[in-house]
Amino acid sequence: MTLPNGMVVLDRYRVEAPLAAGGMGQVYRGVQISLGIPVAIKTLLAPDDPGVQARFTREARMMAQVRHPNIVAILDFGRLEDGQLCIVMEFA
């Protein structure tokens, strides 16, 4: 599913524009609404495949544990209203 500009995901992030598509997902530029912080929102391209969902979840969990100046931080992870998984990252 493509996220339209202006859509609010996870009740706190507003989608502003698509950025890129990769092997596992689509990435959007967004903003954390209450603080006005820019974020990147990555959604899963194959939301119905349990194997892909498991890899996407592992990616989020592993990346959330890494702290390094050259690696973007994971800010949030969750499921959209349509069941699609998403990762919210700092926008650097």
PDB file of N, CA and C in Angstrom:
ATOM      1  N   MET A   1       0.833  -1.179   0.000  1.00  0.00           N
ATOM      2  CA  MET A   1       0.000   0.000   0.000  1.00  0.00           C
ATOM      3  C   MET A   1       0.880   1.246   0.000  1.00  0.00           C
ATOM      4  N   THR A   2       0.557   2.187  -0.830  1.00  0.00           N
ATOM      5  CA  THR A   2       1.254   3.469  -0.857  1.00  0.00           C
ATOM      6  C   THR A   2       0.634   4.377   0.188  1.00  0.00           C
ATOM      7  N   LEU A   3       1.478   5.072   0.944  1.00  0.00           N
ATOM      8  CA  LEU A   3       0.969   5.996   1.957  1.00  0.00           C
ATOM      9  C   LEU A   3       0.797   7.377   1.335  1.00  0.00           C
ATOM     10  N   PRO A   4      -0.405   7.933   1.411  1.00  0.00           N
ATOM     11  CA  PRO A   4      -0.625   9.259   0.823  1.00  0.00           C
ATOM     12  C   PRO A   4      -0.032  10.366   1.689  1.00  0.00           C
ATOM     13  N   ASN A   5       0.383  11.449   1.058  1.00  0.00           N
ATOM     14  CA  ASN A   5       0.872  12.612   1.795  1.00  0.00           C
ATOM     15  C   ASN A   5      -0.220  13.075   2.747  1.00  0.00           C
ATOM     16  N   GLY A   6       0.181  13.419   3.970  1.00  0.00           N
ATOM     17  CA  GLY A   6      -0.767  13.891   4.974  1.00  0.00           C
ATOM     18  C   GLY A   6      -1.324  12.800   5.865  1.00  0.00           C
ATOM     19  N   MET A   7      -1.140  11.529   5.484  1.00  0.00           N
ATOM     20  CA  MET A   7      -1.641  10.432   6.306  1.00  0.00           C
ATOM     21  C   MET A   7      -0.888  10.400   7.636  1.00  0.00           C
ATOM     22  N   VAL A   8      -1.602  10.119   8.724  1.00  0.00           N
ATOM     23  CA  VAL A   8      -0.973   9.986  10.041  1.00  0.00           C
ATOM     24  C   VAL A   8      -0.838   8.501  10.339  1.00  0.00           C
ATOM     25  N   VAL A   9       0.396   8.078  10.666  1.00  0.00           N
ATOM     26  CA  VAL A   9       0.646   6.672  10.992  1.00  0.00           C
ATOM     27  C   VAL A   9       1.072   6.554  12.448  1.00  0.00           C
ATOM     28  N   LEU A  10       0.688   5.456  13.062  1.00  0.00           N
ATOM     29  CA  LEU A  10       0.978   5.167  14.463  1.00  0.00           C
ATOM     30  C   LEU A  10       0.549   6.311  15.376  1.00  0.00           C
ATOM     31  N   ASP A  11      -0.450   7.051  14.966  1.00  0.00           N
ATOM     32  CA  ASP A  11      -1.049   8.149  15.742  1.00  0.00           C
ATOM     33  C   ASP A  11      -0.122   9.320  16.033  1.00  0.00           C
ATOM     34  N   ARG A  12       1.079   9.353  15.449  1.00  0.00           N
ATOM     35  CA  ARG A  12       1.991  10.445  15.803  1.00  0.00           C
ATOM     36  C   ARG A  12       2.948  10.893  14.706  1.00  0.00           C
ATOM     37  N   TYR A  13       2.907  10.259  13.549  1.00  0.00           N
ATOM     38  CA  TYR A  13       3.808  10.627  12.457  1.00  0.00           C
ATOM     39  C   TYR A  13       2.984  10.960  11.217  1.00  0.00           C
ATOM     40  N   ARG A  14       3.256  12.090  10.589  1.00  0.00           N
ATOM     41  CA  ARG A  14       2.546  12.486   9.371  1.00  0.00           C
ATOM     42  C   ARG A  14       3.450  12.257   8.165  1.00  0.00           C
ATOM     43  N   VAL A  15       2.944  11.565   7.171  1.00  0.00           N
ATOM     44  CA  VAL A  15       3.664  11.304   5.921  1.00  0.00           C
ATOM     45  C   VAL A  15       3.714  12.597   5.115  1.00  0.00           C
ATOM     46  N   GLU A  16       4.912  12.959   4.628  1.00  0.00           N
ATOM     47  CA  GLU A  16       5.058  14.176   3.827  1.00  0.00           C
ATOM     48  C   GLU A  16       5.321  13.898   2.360  1.00  0.00           C
ATOM     49  N   ALA A  17       6.130  12.877   2.045  1.00  0.00           N
ATOM     50  CA  ALA A  17       6.454  12.593   0.644  1.00  0.00           C
ATOM     51  C   ALA A  17       7.184  11.262   0.536  1.00  0.00           C
ATOM     52  N   PRO A  18       7.028  10.560  -0.592  1.00  0.00           N
ATOM     53  CA  PRO A  18       7.821   9.348  -0.808  1.00  0.00           C
ATOM     54  C   PRO A  18       9.281   9.714  -1.049  1.00  0.00           C
ATOM     55  N   LEU A  19      10.191   8.880  -0.552  1.00  0.00           N
ATOM     56  CA  LEU A  19      11.634   9.092  -0.759  1.00  0.00           C
ATOM     57  C   LEU A  19      12.232   8.062  -1.707  1.00  0.00           C
ATOM     58  N   ALA A  20      11.968   6.780  -1.439  1.00  0.00           N
ATOM     59  CA  ALA A  20      12.611   5.726  -2.231  1.00  0.00           C
ATOM     60  C   ALA A  20      11.905   4.398  -1.997  1.00  0.00           C
ATOM     61  N   ALA A  21      12.178   3.453  -2.890  1.00  0.00           N
ATOM     62  CA  ALA A  21      11.694   2.085  -2.720  1.00  0.00           C
ATOM     63  C   ALA A  21      12.892   1.161  -2.821  1.00  0.00           C
ATOM     64  N   GLY A  22      12.886   0.125  -1.996  1.00  0.00           N
ATOM     65  CA  GLY A  22      13.981  -0.838  -2.007  1.00  0.00           C
ATOM     66  C   GLY A  22      13.435  -2.247  -2.098  1.00  0.00           C
ATOM     67  N   GLY A  23      14.293  -3.210  -1.801  1.00  0.00           N
ATOM     68  CA  GLY A  23      13.922  -4.611  -1.902  1.00  0.00           C
ATOM     69  C   GLY A  23      12.827  -5.031  -0.940  1.00  0.00           C
ATOM     70  N   MET A  24      12.822  -4.465   0.264  1.00  0.00           N
ATOM     71  CA  MET A  24      11.834  -4.866   1.262  1.00  0.00           C
ATOM     72  C   MET A  24      10.733  -3.845   1.456  1.00  0.00           C
ATOM     73  N   GLY A  25      11.002  -2.588   1.131  1.00  0.00           N
ATOM     74  CA  GLY A  25       9.987  -1.609   1.482  1.00  0.00           C
ATOM     75  C   GLY A  25      10.062  -0.299   0.734  1.00  0.00           C
ATOM     76  N   GLN A  26       9.106   0.535   1.077  1.00  0.00           N
ATOM     77  CA  GLN A  26       9.007   1.893   0.562  1.00  0.00           C
ATOM     78  C   GLN A  26       9.366   2.828   1.719  1.00  0.00           C
ATOM     79  N   VAL A  27      10.090   3.895   1.435  1.00  0.00           N
ATOM     80  CA  VAL A  27      10.490   4.846   2.470  1.00  0.00           C
ATOM     81  C   VAL A  27       9.891   6.208   2.164  1.00  0.00           C
ATOM     82  N   TYR A  28       9.360   6.837   3.212  1.00  0.00           N
ATOM     83  CA  TYR A  28       8.718   8.141   3.098  1.00  0.00           C
ATOM     84  C   TYR A  28       9.379   9.127   4.050  1.00  0.00           C
ATOM     85  N   ARG A  29       9.387  10.389   3.660  1.00  0.00           N
ATOM     86  CA  ARG A  29       9.774  11.450   4.583  1.00  0.00           C
ATOM     87  C   ARG A  29       8.525  11.786   5.387  1.00  0.00           C
ATOM     88  N   GLY A  30       8.709  12.000   6.687  1.00  0.00           N
ATOM     89  CA  GLY A  30       7.579  12.334   7.539  1.00  0.00           C
ATOM     90  C   GLY A  30       8.011  13.266   8.646  1.00  0.00           C
ATOM     91  N   VAL A  31       7.084  13.534   9.550  1.00  0.00           N
ATOM     92  CA  VAL A  31       7.372  14.403  10.692  1.00  0.00           C
ATOM     93  C   VAL A  31       6.662  13.830  11.913  1.00  0.00           C
ATOM     94  N   GLN A  32       7.356  13.856  13.053  1.00  0.00           N
ATOM     95  CA  GLN A  32       6.740  13.503  14.321  1.00  0.00           C
ATOM     96  C   GLN A  32       5.905  14.719  14.708  1.00  0.00           C
ATOM     97  N   ILE A  33       4.612  14.567  14.775  1.00  0.00           N
ATOM     98  CA  ILE A  33       3.692  15.695  14.836  1.00  0.00           C
ATOM     99  C   ILE A  33       3.894  16.593  16.052  1.00  0.00           C
ATOM    100  N   SER A  34       3.939  16.044  17.250  1.00  0.00           N
ATOM    101  CA  SER A  34       3.963  16.889  18.447  1.00  0.00           C
ATOM    102  C   SER A  34       5.263  17.661  18.620  1.00  0.00           C
ATOM    103  N   LEU A  35       6.372  17.117  18.112  1.00  0.00           N
ATOM    104  CA  LEU A  35       7.670  17.786  18.277  1.00  0.00           C
ATOM    105  C   LEU A  35       8.187  18.433  16.997  1.00  0.00           C
ATOM    106  N   GLY A  36       7.589  18.105  15.862  1.00  0.00           N
ATOM    107  CA  GLY A  36       8.040  18.662  14.595  1.00  0.00           C
ATOM    108  C   GLY A  36       9.364  18.100  14.117  1.00  0.00           C
ATOM    109  N   ILE A  37       9.722  16.903  14.589  1.00  0.00           N
ATOM    110  CA  ILE A  37      11.002  16.278  14.244  1.00  0.00           C
ATOM    111  C   ILE A  37      10.860  15.523  12.917  1.00  0.00           C
ATOM    112  N   PRO A  38      11.772  15.748  11.960  1.00  0.00           N
ATOM    113  CA  PRO A  38      11.708  14.984  10.705  1.00  0.00           C
ATOM    114  C   PRO A  38      12.050  13.508  10.947  1.00  0.00           C
ATOM    115  N   VAL A  39      11.333  12.627  10.264  1.00  0.00           N
ATOM    116  CA  VAL A  39      11.551  11.189  10.390  1.00  0.00           C
ATOM    117  C   VAL A  39      11.492  10.544   9.014  1.00  0.00           C
ATOM    118  N   ALA A  40      11.990   9.331   8.935  1.00  0.00           N
ATOM    119  CA  ALA A  40      11.817   8.480   7.760  1.00  0.00           C
ATOM    120  C   ALA A  40      10.915   7.327   8.184  1.00  0.00           C
ATOM    121  N   ILE A  41       9.937   7.016   7.354  1.00  0.00           N
ATOM    122  CA  ILE A  41       8.984   5.950   7.645  1.00  0.00           C
ATOM    123  C   ILE A  41       9.145   4.877   6.579  1.00  0.00           C
ATOM    124  N   LYS A  42       9.528   3.678   7.008  1.00  0.00           N
ATOM    125  CA  LYS A  42       9.736   2.571   6.066  1.00  0.00           C
ATOM    126  C   LYS A  42       8.596   1.577   6.223  1.00  0.00           C
ATOM    127  N   THR A  43       7.934   1.253   5.114  1.00  0.00           N
ATOM    128  CA  THR A  43       6.852   0.271   5.139  1.00  0.00           C
ATOM    129  C   THR A  43       7.268  -0.975   4.368  1.00  0.00           C
ATOM    130  N   LEU A  44       6.639  -2.050   4.690  1.00  0.00           N
ATOM    131  CA  LEU A  44       6.934  -3.347   4.091  1.00  0.00           C
ATOM    132  C   LEU A  44       6.190  -3.503   2.776  1.00  0.00           C
ATOM    133  N   LEU A  45       6.891  -3.945   1.720  1.00  0.00           N
ATOM    134  CA  LEU A  45       6.262  -4.113   0.406  1.00  0.00           C
ATOM    135  C   LEU A  45       5.457  -5.404   0.280  1.00  0.00           C
ATOM    136  N   ALA A  46       5.784  -6.424   1.046  1.00  0.00           N
ATOM    137  CA  ALA A  46       5.074  -7.709   0.980  1.00  0.00           C
ATOM    138  C   ALA A  46       4.439  -8.007   2.336  1.00  0.00           C
ATOM    139  N   PRO A  47       3.390  -7.250   2.711  1.00  0.00           N
ATOM    140  CA  PRO A  47       2.851  -7.370   4.061  1.00  0.00           C
ATOM    141  C   PRO A  47       2.185  -8.701   4.382  1.00  0.00           C
ATOM    142  N   ASP A  48       1.851  -9.506   3.373  1.00  0.00           N
ATOM    143  CA  ASP A  48       1.154 -10.770   3.624  1.00  0.00           C
ATOM    144  C   ASP A  48       2.086 -11.977   3.719  1.00  0.00           C
ATOM    145  N   ASP A  49       3.377 -11.779   3.545  1.00  0.00           N
ATOM    146  CA  ASP A  49       4.340 -12.879   3.578  1.00  0.00           C
ATOM    147  C   ASP A  49       4.927 -12.999   4.986  1.00  0.00           C
ATOM    148  N   PRO A  50       4.609 -14.076   5.723  1.00  0.00           N
ATOM    149  CA  PRO A  50       5.094 -14.214   7.104  1.00  0.00           C
ATOM    150  C   PRO A  50       6.621 -14.201   7.212  1.00  0.00           C
ATOM    151  N   GLY A  51       7.314 -14.770   6.226  1.00  0.00           N
ATOM    152  CA  GLY A  51       8.777 -14.774   6.258  1.00  0.00           C
ATOM    153  C   GLY A  51       9.345 -13.374   6.133  1.00  0.00           C
ATOM    154  N   VAL A  52       8.775 -12.590   5.240  1.00  0.00           N
ATOM    155  CA  VAL A  52       9.216 -11.205   5.046  1.00  0.00           C
ATOM    156  C   VAL A  52       8.873 -10.387   6.284  1.00  0.00           C
ATOM    157  N   GLN A  53       7.702 -10.614   6.866  1.00  0.00           N
ATOM    158  CA  GLN A  53       7.332  -9.912   8.094  1.00  0.00           C
ATOM    159  C   GLN A  53       8.327 -10.210   9.213  1.00  0.00           C
ATOM    160  N   ALA A  54       8.734 -11.456   9.336  1.00  0.00           N
ATOM    161  CA  ALA A  54       9.686 -11.845  10.380  1.00  0.00           C
ATOM    162  C   ALA A  54      11.038 -11.162  10.165  1.00  0.00           C
ATOM    163  N   ARG A  55      11.517 -11.102   8.921  1.00  0.00           N
ATOM    164  CA  ARG A  55      12.795 -10.433   8.628  1.00  0.00           C
ATOM    165  C   ARG A  55      12.702  -8.938   8.919  1.00  0.00           C
ATOM    166  N   PHE A  56      11.586  -8.327   8.543  1.00  0.00           N
ATOM    167  CA  PHE A  56      11.382  -6.898   8.773  1.00  0.00           C
ATOM    168  C   PHE A  56      11.364  -6.600  10.277  1.00  0.00           C
ATOM    169  N   THR A  57      10.703  -7.449  11.040  1.00  0.00           N
ATOM    170  CA  THR A  57      10.657  -7.286  12.502  1.00  0.00           C
ATOM    171  C   THR A  57      12.041  -7.464  13.102  1.00  0.00           C
ATOM    172  N   ARG A  58      12.797  -8.472  12.642  1.00  0.00           N
ATOM    173  CA  ARG A  58      14.175  -8.669  13.127  1.00  0.00           C
ATOM    174  C   ARG A  58      15.041  -7.462  12.808  1.00  0.00           C
ATOM    175  N   GLU A  59      14.890  -6.914  11.597  1.00  0.00           N
ATOM    176  CA  GLU A  59      15.653  -5.729  11.207  1.00  0.00           C
ATOM    177  C   GLU A  59      15.375  -4.586  12.185  1.00  0.00           C
ATOM    178  N   ALA A  60      14.117  -4.356  12.495  1.00  0.00           N
ATOM    179  CA  ALA A  60      13.756  -3.270  13.410  1.00  0.00           C
ATOM    180  C   ALA A  60      14.355  -3.505  14.795  1.00  0.00           C
ATOM    181  N   ARG A  61      14.240  -4.709  15.305  1.00  0.00           N
ATOM    182  CA  ARG A  61      14.755  -5.013  16.652  1.00  0.00           C
ATOM    183  C   ARG A  61      16.273  -4.906  16.721  1.00  0.00           C
ATOM    184  N   MET A  62      16.952  -5.418  15.708  1.00  0.00           N
ATOM    185  CA  MET A  62      18.421  -5.360  15.714  1.00  0.00           C
ATOM    186  C   MET A  62      18.911  -3.918  15.565  1.00  0.00           C
ATOM    187  N   MET A  63      18.321  -3.175  14.631  1.00  0.00           N
ATOM    188  CA  MET A  63      18.753  -1.794  14.412  1.00  0.00           C
ATOM    189  C   MET A  63      18.448  -0.904  15.619  1.00  0.00           C
ATOM    190  N   ALA A  64      17.377  -1.208  16.342  1.00  0.00           N
ATOM    191  CA  ALA A  64      17.017  -0.409  17.515  1.00  0.00           C
ATOM    192  C   ALA A  64      18.055  -0.535  18.629  1.00  0.00           C
ATOM    193  N   GLN A  65      18.847  -1.588  18.604  1.00  0.00           N
ATOM    194  CA  GLN A  65      19.861  -1.805  19.639  1.00  0.00           C
ATOM    195  C   GLN A  65      21.206  -1.182  19.296  1.00  0.00           C
ATOM    196  N   VAL A  66      21.363  -0.716  18.063  1.00  0.00           N
ATOM    197  CA  VAL A  66      22.648  -0.170  17.615  1.00  0.00           C
ATOM    198  C   VAL A  66      22.662   1.337  17.805  1.00  0.00           C
ATOM    199  N   ARG A  67      23.724   1.838  18.397  1.00  0.00           N
ATOM    200  CA  ARG A  67      23.926   3.280  18.544  1.00  0.00           C
ATOM    201  C   ARG A  67      25.296   3.623  17.977  1.00  0.00           C
ATOM    202  N   HIS A  68      25.288   4.413  16.915  1.00  0.00           N
ATOM    203  CA  HIS A  68      26.534   4.834  16.288  1.00  0.00           C
ATOM    204  C   HIS A  68      26.245   6.086  15.484  1.00  0.00           C
ATOM    205  N   PRO A  69      27.177   7.041  15.443  1.00  0.00           N
ATOM    206  CA  PRO A  69      26.931   8.286  14.703  1.00  0.00           C
ATOM    207  C   PRO A  69      26.653   8.077  13.210  1.00  0.00           C
ATOM    208  N   ASN A  70      27.111   6.967  12.640  1.00  0.00           N
ATOM    209  CA  ASN A  70      26.934   6.727  11.207  1.00  0.00           C
ATOM    210  C   ASN A  70      25.757   5.819  10.865  1.00  0.00           C
ATOM    211  N   ILE A  71      24.941   5.492  11.858  1.00  0.00           N
ATOM    212  CA  ILE A  71      23.786   4.623  11.648  1.00  0.00           C
ATOM    213  C   ILE A  71      22.541   5.335  12.158  1.00  0.00           C
ATOM    214  N   VAL A  72      21.496   5.390  11.328  1.00  0.00           N
ATOM    215  CA  VAL A  72      20.263   6.055  11.759  1.00  0.00           C
ATOM    216  C   VAL A  72      19.626   5.288  12.916  1.00  0.00           C
ATOM    217  N   ALA A  73      19.043   6.030  13.833  1.00  0.00           N
ATOM    218  CA  ALA A  73      18.397   5.429  15.002  1.00  0.00           C
ATOM    219  C   ALA A  73      16.954   5.049  14.659  1.00  0.00           C
ATOM    220  N   ILE A  74      16.523   3.914  15.185  1.00  0.00           N
ATOM    221  CA  ILE A  74      15.133   3.488  15.080  1.00  0.00           C
ATOM    222  C   ILE A  74      14.371   4.170  16.212  1.00  0.00           C
ATOM    223  N   LEU A  75      13.305   4.870  15.862  1.00  0.00           N
ATOM    224  CA  LEU A  75      12.516   5.601  16.853  1.00  0.00           C
ATOM    225  C   LEU A  75      11.250   4.856  17.254  1.00  0.00           C
ATOM    226  N   ASP A  76      10.702   4.077  16.314  1.00  0.00           N
ATOM    227  CA  ASP A  76       9.423   3.424  16.582  1.00  0.00           C
ATOM    228  C   ASP A  76       9.237   2.268  15.606  1.00  0.00           C
ATOM    229  N   PHE A  77       8.343   1.371  15.957  1.00  0.00           N
ATOM    230  CA  PHE A  77       8.003   0.216  15.122  1.00  0.00           C
ATOM    231  C   PHE A  77       6.563  -0.132  15.417  1.00  0.00           C
ATOM    232  N   GLY A  78       5.806  -0.474  14.407  1.00  0.00           N
ATOM    233  CA  GLY A  78       4.424  -0.844  14.670  1.00  0.00           C
ATOM    234  C   GLY A  78       3.706  -1.315  13.437  1.00  0.00           C
ATOM    235  N   ARG A  79       2.408  -1.462  13.604  1.00  0.00           N
ATOM    236  CA  ARG A  79       1.543  -1.957  12.542  1.00  0.00           C
ATOM    237  C   ARG A  79       0.538  -0.863  12.195  1.00  0.00           C
ATOM    238  N   LEU A  80       0.393  -0.595  10.897  1.00  0.00           N
ATOM    239  CA  LEU A  80      -0.564   0.396  10.433  1.00  0.00           C
ATOM    240  C   LEU A  80      -1.982  -0.170  10.500  1.00  0.00           C
ATOM    241  N   GLU A  81      -2.968   0.690  10.293  1.00  0.00           N
ATOM    242  CA  GLU A  81      -4.368   0.267  10.384  1.00  0.00           C
ATOM    243  C   GLU A  81      -4.703  -0.888   9.440  1.00  0.00           C
ATOM    244  N   ASP A  82      -4.024  -0.944   8.286  1.00  0.00           N
ATOM    245  CA  ASP A  82      -4.299  -2.020   7.323  1.00  0.00           C
ATOM    246  C   ASP A  82      -3.489  -3.285   7.609  1.00  0.00           C
ATOM    247  N   GLY A  83      -2.723  -3.289   8.720  1.00  0.00           N
ATOM    248  CA  GLY A  83      -1.922  -4.450   9.095  1.00  0.00           C
ATOM    249  C   GLY A  83      -0.491  -4.413   8.604  1.00  0.00           C
ATOM    250  N   GLN A  84      -0.155  -3.445   7.782  1.00  0.00           N
ATOM    251  CA  GLN A  84       1.197  -3.301   7.242  1.00  0.00           C
ATOM    252  C   GLN A  84       2.176  -2.873   8.348  1.00  0.00           C
ATOM    253  N   LEU A  85       3.349  -3.485   8.388  1.00  0.00           N
ATOM    254  CA  LEU A  85       4.368  -3.119   9.367  1.00  0.00           C
ATOM    255  C   LEU A  85       5.127  -1.873   8.913  1.00  0.00           C
ATOM    256  N   CYS A  86       5.612  -1.099   9.885  1.00  0.00           N
ATOM    257  CA  CYS A  86       6.437   0.051   9.529  1.00  0.00           C
ATOM    258  C   CYS A  86       7.491   0.296  10.598  1.00  0.00           C
ATOM    259  N   ILE A  87       8.597   0.855  10.154  1.00  0.00           N
ATOM    260  CA  ILE A  87       9.701   1.271  11.024  1.00  0.00           C
ATOM    261  C   ILE A  87       9.823   2.786  10.870  1.00  0.00           C
ATOM    262  N   VAL A  88       9.930   3.488  11.991  1.00  0.00           N
ATOM    263  CA  VAL A  88      10.149   4.935  11.956  1.00  0.00           C
ATOM    264  C   VAL A  88      11.578   5.180  12.426  1.00  0.00           C
ATOM    265  N   MET A  89      12.329   5.923  11.598  1.00  0.00           N
ATOM    266  CA  MET A  89      13.744   6.184  11.862  1.00  0.00           C
ATOM    267  C   MET A  89      14.007   7.679  11.883  1.00  0.00           C
ATOM    268  N   GLU A  90      15.124   8.047  12.509  1.00  0.00           N
ATOM    269  CA  GLU A  90      15.511   9.453  12.417  1.00  0.00           C
ATOM    270  C   GLU A  90      15.777   9.776  10.952  1.00  0.00           C
ATOM    271  N   PHE A  91      15.517  10.998  10.579  1.00  0.00           N
ATOM    272  CA  PHE A  91      15.785  11.443   9.208  1.00  0.00           C
ATOM    273  C   PHE A  91      17.070  12.234   9.243  1.00  0.00           C
ATOM    274  N   ALA A  92      18.121  11.627   8.714  1.00  0.00           N
ATOM    275  CA  ALA A  92      19.436  12.266   8.783  1.00  0.00           C
ATOM    276  C   ALA A  92      19.902  12.703   7.417  1.00  0.00           C
TER     277      ALA A  92
END
